[in-house]
Each structure stands twice: as structure tokens, then as C-alpha cells.
């Protein structure tokens, strides 16, 4: 099938009539009929049954429509991109972040970047790192930020900021003179919130505890650091979180974990896809927001 065949077929499937398809496509009814007949001739089978002047899609037409729907969406995206390029606008920037960074770092980064690029469209999505890798490889995102280097051959990881895992606790847990001073794994007493088994930073925390013969028991296990922070804010115990999550809350006490467990914030891109000017500036804004977050009192 040629592209014109697909456009006409898709329009007929959407509106159900030759006349409606002609209106959608801004062509005459005879032109729609001619293209449909040519498509059916090439396929060697009818796509519609004509009953009392009405078109009824065949089972083959329904199967074909499921596939042409994907192509139709792609064509719409191409048309929007062409229109934006004609107007000298930067194409849509698609940024993906892990849930933690989307809440703790990106709001400030986006706000600062938007002042420089007020008219540029930006789509922000949240996924975990494994999903992010697939999106970058498939061209479904322009770049991403994560606390993990996936070490994938098709992904370039650039470190933007460096911090350390931080212990957070409800207000009043420590005396003022203790707050801000390092805390060893032995000090992780009481209710400690844990992370799902597939969290690499959580595994490093457990390893650090076990190295000092401390064996934490996690009665509450979560998937994200911001959920752990919310539980701590509600008095649900202590947690060891990334520095960006720790710095983004004013309702917890913070202490660095000792020995330190380093955390990097990475910019992830597909190796074959250079960033546009607008995307690069957004990545720079993320780096600046991350460094500002780490400069919060009590985070050094």
C-alpha cells in the first residue's frame, strides 16, 4: 500500500463513509473512491463490504487499521515538527527522569531553563533507569537524568553532580549539636525504611551496614526515595536517601552516613544522537539545580 492509500483507508475507517473521508482529506468523493479501489486492487482483496450504500469494514480491514493507526500518529508528529521548524521553533524536547530527580531537582531546573526558552515545548516523563535505557535506544527520549550509570554500550553517561547518601529522621530525633555530624550504621536504630531488592543504592546501604556487623530489619519497604522521605516526615522512622531527596525537605533532620556512599547524578544520552541547543541548555540547568541542591545547609 502506498502512503496515499493508507491515508484514505484510515480516514474511511475513522468516519465510516466516503463522503466523510473526502471532507477530512479535503478531496472529492470520486477521488476517495478511486484511491480505495486502487488500494483494494493492489492488495487483492476487498477492505469494505458495500451493503445498501454503506461501508462495512472486513476483518482484514480491522487488522490493517490497528497498524495504520501507529503510522497515522507518526505522520501527525512529522507534520507538527515540520510546522515548528518552518516557524523557526526548536523541536519538542523529551526529557525522562527517575521519579526521585523529577521531584527534587527538575522543578528548579525547568523553571530556570524556561526563562531562556519560553516558547520551547518540553515533555517530561518519569521512569526507572532500565526503562530509560530502552526509551533512549528507541529514540523515544532526547536525554535523561538518573542516579545510575546503566553501563550500556549504546548509552553515554555524563556525571553532572556528586553527593553522598544521607540519613534523614523525623524532627527531634537528634539534639541540635548532633544534627549535621556523620552517623555510622550502628546509629541506624529503631524503625528503618528499606528499599526494594533491585535498588542498587539501597543494596550499597545494606552492604555498608553488614560490613560493620549491623543487620538492619526493614519492616517497611518502598520503591522510591521520595516515598521514604514522606514516611519519615510523617514520623514513620529513619531512612537513608540520596542527597537530592534529603535536601528537598525542610521537615526532616539530616546527617551524612559514615563511611560515605557516593552518589552521582548522570546525564544519559543515546550515543548516536547529539543534543540540540535547547536540550543542552536544559541539561546544564539540571546540573546547576543539582549543585544548588547540594549546597543546602547541612548537605556538605
C-alpha atoms as a PDB file:
ATOM      1  CA  UNK A   1       0.000   0.000   0.000  1.00  0.00           C
ATOM      2  CA  UNK A   2       1.170   3.487  -0.809  1.00  0.00           C
ATOM      3  CA  UNK A   3       1.024   6.297   1.705  1.00  0.00           C
ATOM      4  CA  UNK A   4      -1.992   7.855  -0.046  1.00  0.00           C
ATOM      5  CA  UNK A   5      -3.804   4.516   0.121  1.00  0.00           C
ATOM      6  CA  UNK A   6      -3.172   4.380   3.858  1.00  0.00           C
ATOM      7  CA  UNK A   7      -4.370   7.954   4.414  1.00  0.00           C
ATOM      8  CA  UNK A   8      -7.638   7.327   2.569  1.00  0.00           C
ATOM      9  CA  UNK A   9      -8.202   3.951   4.225  1.00  0.00           C
ATOM     10  CA  UNK A  10      -7.539   5.420   7.676  1.00  0.00           C
ATOM     11  CA  UNK A  11      -9.944   8.304   7.061  1.00  0.00           C
ATOM     12  CA  UNK A  12     -12.723   5.956   5.930  1.00  0.00           C
ATOM     13  CA  UNK A  13     -12.207   3.741   8.984  1.00  0.00           C
ATOM     14  CA  UNK A  14     -12.408   6.761  11.257  1.00  0.00           C
ATOM     15  CA  UNK A  15     -15.550   8.404   9.847  1.00  0.00           C
ATOM     16  CA  UNK A  16     -17.257   5.410   8.240  1.00  0.00           C
ATOM     17  CA  UNK A  17     -18.261   6.959   4.910  1.00  0.00           C
ATOM     18  CA  UNK A  18     -16.750   8.002   1.590  1.00  0.00           C
ATOM     19  CA  UNK A  19     -18.235  11.487   1.901  1.00  0.00           C
ATOM     20  CA  UNK A  20     -16.887  11.941   5.424  1.00  0.00           C
ATOM     21  CA  UNK A  21     -13.413  10.799   4.390  1.00  0.00           C
ATOM     22  CA  UNK A  22     -13.490  13.255   1.489  1.00  0.00           C
ATOM     23  CA  UNK A  23     -14.255  16.104   3.886  1.00  0.00           C
ATOM     24  CA  UNK A  24     -11.485  15.066   6.285  1.00  0.00           C
ATOM     25  CA  UNK A  25      -8.935  14.837   3.473  1.00  0.00           C
ATOM     26  CA  UNK A  26     -10.229  17.901   1.583  1.00  0.00           C
ATOM     27  CA  UNK A  27     -10.632  15.993  -1.671  1.00  0.00           C
ATOM     28  CA  UNK A  28     -13.619  14.930  -3.788  1.00  0.00           C
ATOM     29  CA  UNK A  29     -15.693  11.808  -3.155  1.00  0.00           C
ATOM     30  CA  UNK A  30     -14.755  10.300  -6.548  1.00  0.00           C
ATOM     31  CA  UNK A  31     -11.086  10.763  -5.647  1.00  0.00           C
ATOM     32  CA  UNK A  32     -11.588   8.850  -2.372  1.00  0.00           C
ATOM     33  CA  UNK A  33     -13.424   6.068  -4.190  1.00  0.00           C
ATOM     34  CA  UNK A  34     -10.712   5.811  -6.843  1.00  0.00           C
ATOM     35  CA  UNK A  35      -7.873   5.599  -4.279  1.00  0.00           C
ATOM     36  CA  UNK A  36      -9.760   2.983  -2.236  1.00  0.00           C
ATOM     37  CA  UNK A  37     -10.416   0.865  -5.325  1.00  0.00           C
ATOM     38  CA  UNK A  38      -6.763   1.076  -6.318  1.00  0.00           C
ATOM     39  CA  UNK A  39      -5.676   0.035  -2.818  1.00  0.00           C
ATOM     40  CA  UNK A  40      -8.020  -2.963  -2.837  1.00  0.00           C
ATOM     41  CA  UNK A  41      -6.794  -3.906  -6.309  1.00  0.00           C
ATOM     42  CA  UNK A  42      -3.180  -3.862  -5.159  1.00  0.00           C
ATOM     43  CA  UNK A  43      -3.996  -5.861  -2.026  1.00  0.00           C
ATOM     44  CA  UNK A  44      -6.033  -8.366  -3.998  1.00  0.00           C
ATOM     45  CA  UNK A  45      -8.913  -8.315  -1.512  1.00  0.00           C
ATOM     46  CA  UNK A  46     -11.773  -6.030  -0.501  1.00  0.00           C
ATOM     47  CA  UNK A  47     -11.383  -3.880   2.591  1.00  0.00           C
ATOM     48  CA  UNK A  48     -15.053  -2.982   2.875  1.00  0.00           C
ATOM     49  CA  UNK A  49     -18.333  -4.696   2.095  1.00  0.00           C
ATOM     50  CA  UNK A  50     -20.888  -2.484   0.363  1.00  0.00           C
ATOM     51  CA  UNK A  51     -24.321  -3.132   1.869  1.00  0.00           C
ATOM     52  CA  UNK A  52     -27.214  -0.837   0.889  1.00  0.00           C
ATOM     53  CA  UNK A  53     -24.847   2.007   0.163  1.00  0.00           C
ATOM     54  CA  UNK A  54     -22.937   1.689   3.422  1.00  0.00           C
ATOM     55  CA  UNK A  55     -19.360   0.544   4.006  1.00  0.00           C
ATOM     56  CA  UNK A  56     -18.702  -2.255   6.478  1.00  0.00           C
ATOM     57  CA  UNK A  57     -15.004  -2.999   7.239  1.00  0.00           C
ATOM     58  CA  UNK A  58     -13.871  -6.567   6.682  1.00  0.00           C
ATOM     59  CA  UNK A  59     -11.934  -8.436   9.417  1.00  0.00           C
ATOM     60  CA  UNK A  60      -8.791  -7.805   7.371  1.00  0.00           C
ATOM     61  CA  UNK A  61      -9.540  -4.072   7.402  1.00  0.00           C
ATOM     62  CA  UNK A  62      -9.775  -4.057  11.193  1.00  0.00           C
ATOM     63  CA  UNK A  63      -6.396  -5.781  11.478  1.00  0.00           C
ATOM     64  CA  UNK A  64      -4.874  -3.373   8.997  1.00  0.00           C
ATOM     65  CA  UNK A  65      -6.357  -0.375  10.816  1.00  0.00           C
ATOM     66  CA  UNK A  66      -4.579  -1.328  14.056  1.00  0.00           C
ATOM     67  CA  UNK A  67      -1.246  -0.979  12.250  1.00  0.00           C
ATOM     68  CA  UNK A  68      -2.090   2.114  10.215  1.00  0.00           C
ATOM     69  CA  UNK A  69      -3.132   3.881  13.427  1.00  0.00           C
ATOM     70  CA  UNK A  70       0.515   3.818  14.554  1.00  0.00           C
ATOM     71  CA  UNK A  71       1.669   5.228  11.223  1.00  0.00           C
ATOM     72  CA  UNK A  72      -1.025   7.912  11.381  1.00  0.00           C
ATOM     73  CA  UNK A  73       0.275   9.107  14.759  1.00  0.00           C
ATOM     74  CA  UNK A  74       3.817   9.206  13.399  1.00  0.00           C
ATOM     75  CA  UNK A  75       2.689  11.242  10.395  1.00  0.00           C
ATOM     76  CA  UNK A  76       0.910  13.701  12.668  1.00  0.00           C
ATOM     77  CA  UNK A  77       4.119  14.091  14.662  1.00  0.00           C
ATOM     78  CA  UNK A  78       6.099  14.711  11.467  1.00  0.00           C
ATOM     79  CA  UNK A  79       3.620  17.372  10.376  1.00  0.00           C
ATOM     80  CA  UNK A  80       3.825  19.121  13.752  1.00  0.00           C
ATOM     81  CA  UNK A  81       7.628  19.030  13.623  1.00  0.00           C
ATOM     82  CA  UNK A  82       7.662  20.410  10.077  1.00  0.00           C
ATOM     83  CA  UNK A  83       5.347  23.233  11.122  1.00  0.00           C
ATOM     84  CA  UNK A  84       7.512  24.109  14.113  1.00  0.00           C
ATOM     85  CA  UNK A  85      10.676  24.079  12.011  1.00  0.00           C
ATOM     86  CA  UNK A  86       9.004  26.346   9.480  1.00  0.00           C
ATOM     87  CA  UNK A  87       8.275  28.764  12.312  1.00  0.00           C
ATOM     88  CA  UNK A  88      11.901  28.508  13.434  1.00  0.00           C
ATOM     89  CA  UNK A  89      10.880  26.925  16.719  1.00  0.00           C
ATOM     90  CA  UNK A  90      13.012  24.287  18.420  1.00  0.00           C
ATOM     91  CA  UNK A  91      11.500  20.824  18.178  1.00  0.00           C
ATOM     92  CA  UNK A  92       9.930  19.282  21.259  1.00  0.00           C
ATOM     93  CA  UNK A  93      12.489  18.316  23.893  1.00  0.00           C
ATOM     94  CA  UNK A  94      11.698  14.978  25.522  1.00  0.00           C
ATOM     95  CA  UNK A  95      13.267  14.586  28.948  1.00  0.00           C
ATOM     96  CA  UNK A  96      12.967  11.477  31.100  1.00  0.00           C
ATOM     97  CA  UNK A  97      13.971  11.350  34.758  1.00  0.00           C
ATOM     98  CA  UNK A  98      13.826   8.862  37.578  1.00  0.00           C
ATOM     99  CA  UNK A  99      10.961   9.687  39.974  1.00  0.00           C
ATOM    100  CA  UNK A 100      13.318  10.971  42.671  1.00  0.00           C
ATOM    101  CA  UNK A 101      15.022  13.539  40.437  1.00  0.00           C
ATOM    102  CA  UNK A 102      11.757  14.594  38.817  1.00  0.00           C
ATOM    103  CA  UNK A 103      10.567  15.758  42.239  1.00  0.00           C
ATOM    104  CA  UNK A 104      13.772  17.007  43.873  1.00  0.00           C
ATOM    105  CA  UNK A 105      15.840  18.628  41.086  1.00  0.00           C
ATOM    106  CA  UNK A 106      13.830  19.155  37.912  1.00  0.00           C
ATOM    107  CA  UNK A 107      11.294  21.741  39.147  1.00  0.00           C
ATOM    108  CA  UNK A 108      14.068  24.280  39.814  1.00  0.00           C
ATOM    109  CA  UNK A 109      15.933  23.305  36.647  1.00  0.00           C
ATOM    110  CA  UNK A 110      12.844  23.629  34.450  1.00  0.00           C
ATOM    111  CA  UNK A 111      11.902  26.979  35.979  1.00  0.00           C
ATOM    112  CA  UNK A 112      15.337  28.471  35.277  1.00  0.00           C
ATOM    113  CA  UNK A 113      15.527  26.995  31.765  1.00  0.00           C
ATOM    114  CA  UNK A 114      12.041  28.197  30.855  1.00  0.00           C
ATOM    115  CA  UNK A 115      13.127  31.825  31.293  1.00  0.00           C
ATOM    116  CA  UNK A 116      15.622  31.330  28.450  1.00  0.00           C
ATOM    117  CA  UNK A 117      13.337  29.178  26.278  1.00  0.00           C
ATOM    118  CA  UNK A 118       9.803  30.454  26.904  1.00  0.00           C
ATOM    119  CA  UNK A 119       8.338  29.094  23.652  1.00  0.00           C
ATOM    120  CA  UNK A 120      10.016  25.676  23.505  1.00  0.00           C
ATOM    121  CA  UNK A 121       7.859  22.639  24.212  1.00  0.00           C
ATOM    122  CA  UNK A 122       9.245  20.175  26.759  1.00  0.00           C
ATOM    123  CA  UNK A 123       7.750  16.786  27.582  1.00  0.00           C
ATOM    124  CA  UNK A 124       8.805  15.363  30.961  1.00  0.00           C
ATOM    125  CA  UNK A 125       8.250  11.710  31.845  1.00  0.00           C
ATOM    126  CA  UNK A 126       9.341   9.579  34.793  1.00  0.00           C
ATOM    127  CA  UNK A 127      10.656   6.029  34.536  1.00  0.00           C
ATOM    128  CA  UNK A 128      13.178   3.813  36.245  1.00  0.00           C
ATOM    129  CA  UNK A 129      16.653   3.507  34.734  1.00  0.00           C
ATOM    130  CA  UNK A 130      16.101   0.216  32.887  1.00  0.00           C
ATOM    131  CA  UNK A 131      13.090   1.692  31.106  1.00  0.00           C
ATOM    132  CA  UNK A 132      15.011   4.903  30.411  1.00  0.00           C
ATOM    133  CA  UNK A 133      17.705   2.962  28.553  1.00  0.00           C
ATOM    134  CA  UNK A 134      15.116   1.411  26.246  1.00  0.00           C
ATOM    135  CA  UNK A 135      13.487   4.789  25.572  1.00  0.00           C
ATOM    136  CA  UNK A 136      16.823   6.363  24.631  1.00  0.00           C
ATOM    137  CA  UNK A 137      17.776   3.464  22.366  1.00  0.00           C
ATOM    138  CA  UNK A 138      14.408   3.587  20.593  1.00  0.00           C
ATOM    139  CA  UNK A 139      14.582   7.350  20.128  1.00  0.00           C
ATOM    140  CA  UNK A 140      11.585   7.957  22.408  1.00  0.00           C
ATOM    141  CA  UNK A 141      13.520  10.466  24.548  1.00  0.00           C
ATOM    142  CA  UNK A 142      16.221  13.033  23.808  1.00  0.00           C
ATOM    143  CA  UNK A 143      18.039  12.689  27.112  1.00  0.00           C
ATOM    144  CA  UNK A 144      17.519  11.539  30.671  1.00  0.00           C
ATOM    145  CA  UNK A 145      18.810  12.065  34.195  1.00  0.00           C
ATOM    146  CA  UNK A 146      19.355   9.260  36.670  1.00  0.00           C
ATOM    147  CA  UNK A 147      21.347   8.368  39.776  1.00  0.00           C
ATOM    148  CA  UNK A 148      22.646   5.267  37.985  1.00  0.00           C
ATOM    149  CA  UNK A 149      25.121   4.748  35.181  1.00  0.00           C
ATOM    150  CA  UNK A 150      23.483   1.885  33.255  1.00  0.00           C
ATOM    151  CA  UNK A 151      26.837   0.964  31.661  1.00  0.00           C
ATOM    152  CA  UNK A 152      25.115   0.142  28.399  1.00  0.00           C
ATOM    153  CA  UNK A 153      27.169   0.159  25.163  1.00  0.00           C
ATOM    154  CA  UNK A 154      24.624   2.361  23.386  1.00  0.00           C
ATOM    155  CA  UNK A 155      24.250   4.921  26.189  1.00  0.00           C
ATOM    156  CA  UNK A 156      26.620   7.771  27.092  1.00  0.00           C
ATOM    157  CA  UNK A 157      26.635   8.704  30.801  1.00  0.00           C
ATOM    158  CA  UNK A 158      27.970  12.122  31.849  1.00  0.00           C
ATOM    159  CA  UNK A 159      28.302  12.930  35.568  1.00  0.00           C
ATOM    160  CA  UNK A 160      26.657  16.271  36.387  1.00  0.00           C
ATOM    161  CA  UNK A 161      26.881  16.355  40.190  1.00  0.00           C
ATOM    162  CA  UNK A 162      28.256  14.291  43.061  1.00  0.00           C
ATOM    163  CA  UNK A 163      26.946  13.865  46.595  1.00  0.00           C
ATOM    164  CA  UNK A 164      26.551  11.162  49.238  1.00  0.00           C
ATOM    165  CA  UNK A 165      23.755   9.100  50.736  1.00  0.00           C
ATOM    166  CA  UNK A 166      22.196  10.878  53.695  1.00  0.00           C
ATOM    167  CA  UNK A 167      20.323   9.720  56.791  1.00  0.00           C
ATOM    168  CA  UNK A 168      17.036  11.511  57.402  1.00  0.00           C
ATOM    169  CA  UNK A 169      14.895  11.291  60.529  1.00  0.00           C
ATOM    170  CA  UNK A 170      11.799  12.989  61.983  1.00  0.00           C
ATOM    171  CA  UNK A 171      12.398  16.329  63.739  1.00  0.00           C
ATOM    172  CA  UNK A 172      13.608  15.913  67.309  1.00  0.00           C
ATOM    173  CA  UNK A 173      15.364  12.596  66.691  1.00  0.00           C
ATOM    174  CA  UNK A 174      18.792  14.123  67.375  1.00  0.00           C
ATOM    175  CA  UNK A 175      19.996  17.019  69.514  1.00  0.00           C
ATOM    176  CA  UNK A 176      20.933  20.159  67.583  1.00  0.00           C
ATOM    177  CA  UNK A 177      24.641  19.555  68.151  1.00  0.00           C
ATOM    178  CA  UNK A 178      24.332  16.060  66.632  1.00  0.00           C
ATOM    179  CA  UNK A 179      22.423  17.125  63.528  1.00  0.00           C
ATOM    180  CA  UNK A 180      24.764  17.524  60.579  1.00  0.00           C
ATOM    181  CA  UNK A 181      27.508  15.345  62.064  1.00  0.00           C
ATOM    182  CA  UNK A 182      28.294  11.955  60.476  1.00  0.00           C
ATOM    183  CA  UNK A 183      26.308   8.922  61.600  1.00  0.00           C
ATOM    184  CA  UNK A 184      27.640   5.366  61.445  1.00  0.00           C
ATOM    185  CA  UNK A 185      25.466   2.369  60.520  1.00  0.00           C
ATOM    186  CA  UNK A 186      25.351   1.498  64.220  1.00  0.00           C
ATOM    187  CA  UNK A 187      23.325   4.666  64.741  1.00  0.00           C
ATOM    188  CA  UNK A 188      20.543   3.475  62.438  1.00  0.00           C
ATOM    189  CA  UNK A 189      18.437   2.349  65.359  1.00  0.00           C
ATOM    190  CA  UNK A 190      14.695   1.989  65.563  1.00  0.00           C
ATOM    191  CA  UNK A 191      12.399   1.766  62.552  1.00  0.00           C
ATOM    192  CA  UNK A 192      14.471   1.958  59.350  1.00  0.00           C
ATOM    193  CA  UNK A 193      12.716   2.211  55.996  1.00  0.00           C
ATOM    194  CA  UNK A 194      14.164  -0.054  53.309  1.00  0.00           C
ATOM    195  CA  UNK A 195      14.069  -0.307  49.525  1.00  0.00           C
ATOM    196  CA  UNK A 196      13.066  -2.937  47.005  1.00  0.00           C
ATOM    197  CA  UNK A 197      15.692  -5.585  46.295  1.00  0.00           C
ATOM    198  CA  UNK A 198      16.508  -4.202  42.841  1.00  0.00           C
ATOM    199  CA  UNK A 199      17.579  -0.763  44.123  1.00  0.00           C
ATOM    200  CA  UNK A 200      21.392  -0.545  43.718  1.00  0.00           C
ATOM    201  CA  UNK A 201      21.888   2.323  46.179  1.00  0.00           C
ATOM    202  CA  UNK A 202      19.758   0.518  48.733  1.00  0.00           C
ATOM    203  CA  UNK A 203      21.975  -2.537  48.304  1.00  0.00           C
ATOM    204  CA  UNK A 204      25.055  -0.383  48.976  1.00  0.00           C
ATOM    205  CA  UNK A 205      23.497   0.841  52.228  1.00  0.00           C
ATOM    206  CA  UNK A 206      22.817  -2.735  53.350  1.00  0.00           C
ATOM    207  CA  UNK A 207      26.382  -3.750  52.445  1.00  0.00           C
ATOM    208  CA  UNK A 208      27.804  -0.817  54.444  1.00  0.00           C
ATOM    209  CA  UNK A 209      25.744  -1.870  57.452  1.00  0.00           C
ATOM    210  CA  UNK A 210      26.746  -5.517  57.192  1.00  0.00           C
ATOM    211  CA  UNK A 211      30.425  -4.530  56.883  1.00  0.00           C
ATOM    212  CA  UNK A 212      30.132  -3.138  60.424  1.00  0.00           C
ATOM    213  CA  UNK A 213      28.118  -6.157  61.595  1.00  0.00           C
ATOM    214  CA  UNK A 214      24.904  -4.188  61.633  1.00  0.00           C
ATOM    215  CA  UNK A 215      21.974  -6.149  60.211  1.00  0.00           C
ATOM    216  CA  UNK A 216      19.009  -3.839  59.665  1.00  0.00           C
ATOM    217  CA  UNK A 217      15.499  -5.255  59.626  1.00  0.00           C
ATOM    218  CA  UNK A 218      13.173  -3.445  57.246  1.00  0.00           C
ATOM    219  CA  UNK A 219       9.506  -3.693  58.180  1.00  0.00           C
ATOM    220  CA  UNK A 220       8.556  -1.028  55.655  1.00  0.00           C
ATOM    221  CA  UNK A 221       9.929  -1.402  52.125  1.00  0.00           C
ATOM    222  CA  UNK A 222       9.352   1.180  49.381  1.00  0.00           C
ATOM    223  CA  UNK A 223      10.358   1.633  45.738  1.00  0.00           C
ATOM    224  CA  UNK A 224      11.350   5.305  45.661  1.00  0.00           C
ATOM    225  CA  UNK A 225      13.290   7.683  47.869  1.00  0.00           C
ATOM    226  CA  UNK A 226      10.551  10.307  47.885  1.00  0.00           C
ATOM    227  CA  UNK A 227       8.123   7.778  49.390  1.00  0.00           C
ATOM    228  CA  UNK A 228      10.706   7.038  52.082  1.00  0.00           C
ATOM    229  CA  UNK A 229      11.072  10.768  52.737  1.00  0.00           C
ATOM    230  CA  UNK A 230       7.310  11.216  53.045  1.00  0.00           C
ATOM    231  CA  UNK A 231       7.155   8.394  55.587  1.00  0.00           C
ATOM    232  CA  UNK A 232       9.973   9.980  57.588  1.00  0.00           C
ATOM    233  CA  UNK A 233       8.195  13.348  57.513  1.00  0.00           C
ATOM    234  CA  UNK A 234       5.130  11.606  58.952  1.00  0.00           C
ATOM    235  CA  UNK A 235       7.183  10.111  61.788  1.00  0.00           C
ATOM    236  CA  UNK A 236       7.418   6.648  60.244  1.00  0.00           C
ATOM    237  CA  UNK A 237      11.092   6.075  61.075  1.00  0.00           C
ATOM    238  CA  UNK A 238      14.503   6.855  59.596  1.00  0.00           C
ATOM    239  CA  UNK A 239      15.724   6.309  56.044  1.00  0.00           C
ATOM    240  CA  UNK A 240      18.937   6.569  54.060  1.00  0.00           C
ATOM    241  CA  UNK A 241      18.199   8.545  50.894  1.00  0.00           C
ATOM    242  CA  UNK A 242      20.034  10.249  48.055  1.00  0.00           C
ATOM    243  CA  UNK A 243      21.281  13.784  48.839  1.00  0.00           C
ATOM    244  CA  UNK A 244      18.814  15.462  46.480  1.00  0.00           C
ATOM    245  CA  UNK A 245      15.806  13.911  48.203  1.00  0.00           C
ATOM    246  CA  UNK A 246      17.280  14.782  51.597  1.00  0.00           C
ATOM    247  CA  UNK A 247      17.888  18.416  50.645  1.00  0.00           C
ATOM    248  CA  UNK A 248      14.418  18.908  49.162  1.00  0.00           C
ATOM    249  CA  UNK A 249      12.658  18.542  52.527  1.00  0.00           C
ATOM    250  CA  UNK A 250      12.508  21.098  55.347  1.00  0.00           C
ATOM    251  CA  UNK A 251      10.609  18.746  57.662  1.00  0.00           C
ATOM    252  CA  UNK A 252      13.365  16.241  58.464  1.00  0.00           C
ATOM    253  CA  UNK A 253      16.713  16.191  60.217  1.00  0.00           C
ATOM    254  CA  UNK A 254      19.733  15.214  58.118  1.00  0.00           C
ATOM    255  CA  UNK A 255      23.058  13.571  58.873  1.00  0.00           C
ATOM    256  CA  UNK A 256      25.691  12.241  56.443  1.00  0.00           C
ATOM    257  CA  UNK A 257      26.236   8.498  56.567  1.00  0.00           C
ATOM    258  CA  UNK A 258      29.751   7.381  57.515  1.00  0.00           C
ATOM    259  CA  UNK A 259      31.514   5.720  55.784  1.00  0.00           C
ATOM    260  CA  UNK A 260      30.238   7.789  52.887  1.00  0.00           C
ATOM    261  CA  UNK A 261      28.373   6.175  49.991  1.00  0.00           C
ATOM    262  CA  UNK A 262      28.890   8.354  46.924  1.00  0.00           C
ATOM    263  CA  UNK A 263      26.032   9.233  44.588  1.00  0.00           C
ATOM    264  CA  UNK A 264      26.364  10.642  41.071  1.00  0.00           C
ATOM    265  CA  UNK A 265      23.695  12.397  39.059  1.00  0.00           C
ATOM    266  CA  UNK A 266      24.137  11.311  35.434  1.00  0.00           C
ATOM    267  CA  UNK A 267      23.042  12.815  32.147  1.00  0.00           C
ATOM    268  CA  UNK A 268      22.148   9.900  29.855  1.00  0.00           C
ATOM    269  CA  UNK A 269      22.016  10.179  26.074  1.00  0.00           C
ATOM    270  CA  UNK A 270      21.983   7.802  23.128  1.00  0.00           C
ATOM    271  CA  UNK A 271      25.485   7.622  21.684  1.00  0.00           C
ATOM    272  CA  UNK A 272      24.254   8.304  18.135  1.00  0.00           C
ATOM    273  CA  UNK A 273      22.057  11.325  18.925  1.00  0.00           C
ATOM    274  CA  UNK A 274      23.699  14.694  19.746  1.00  0.00           C
ATOM    275  CA  UNK A 275      21.639  17.143  21.802  1.00  0.00           C
ATOM    276  CA  UNK A 276      20.053  20.221  20.290  1.00  0.00           C
ATOM    277  CA  UNK A 277      20.991  23.628  21.694  1.00  0.00           C
ATOM    278  CA  UNK A 278      17.815  23.803  23.777  1.00  0.00           C
ATOM    279  CA  UNK A 279      18.288  20.299  25.170  1.00  0.00           C
ATOM    280  CA  UNK A 280      21.914  21.023  26.061  1.00  0.00           C
ATOM    281  CA  UNK A 281      20.891  24.180  27.894  1.00  0.00           C
ATOM    282  CA  UNK A 282      18.259  22.202  29.804  1.00  0.00           C
ATOM    283  CA  UNK A 283      20.889  19.633  30.794  1.00  0.00           C
ATOM    284  CA  UNK A 284      23.113  22.483  32.011  1.00  0.00           C
ATOM    285  CA  UNK A 285      20.200  23.836  34.035  1.00  0.00           C
ATOM    286  CA  UNK A 286      19.716  20.405  35.636  1.00  0.00           C
ATOM    287  CA  UNK A 287      23.382  20.376  36.645  1.00  0.00           C
ATOM    288  CA  UNK A 288      23.117  23.849  38.179  1.00  0.00           C
ATOM    289  CA  UNK A 289      19.951  22.947  40.084  1.00  0.00           C
ATOM    290  CA  UNK A 290      21.590  19.773  41.394  1.00  0.00           C
ATOM    291  CA  UNK A 291      24.641  21.670  42.639  1.00  0.00           C
ATOM    292  CA  UNK A 292      22.399  24.267  44.284  1.00  0.00           C
ATOM    293  CA  UNK A 293      20.510  21.450  45.981  1.00  0.00           C
ATOM    294  CA  UNK A 294      23.755  20.006  47.356  1.00  0.00           C
ATOM    295  CA  UNK A 295      24.703  23.457  48.672  1.00  0.00           C
ATOM    296  CA  UNK A 296      21.691  23.405  51.026  1.00  0.00           C
ATOM    297  CA  UNK A 297      22.871  23.878  54.653  1.00  0.00           C
ATOM    298  CA  UNK A 298      23.589  20.520  56.221  1.00  0.00           C
ATOM    299  CA  UNK A 299      24.310  18.808  52.896  1.00  0.00           C
ATOM    300  CA  UNK A 300      28.096  19.307  52.841  1.00  0.00           C
END
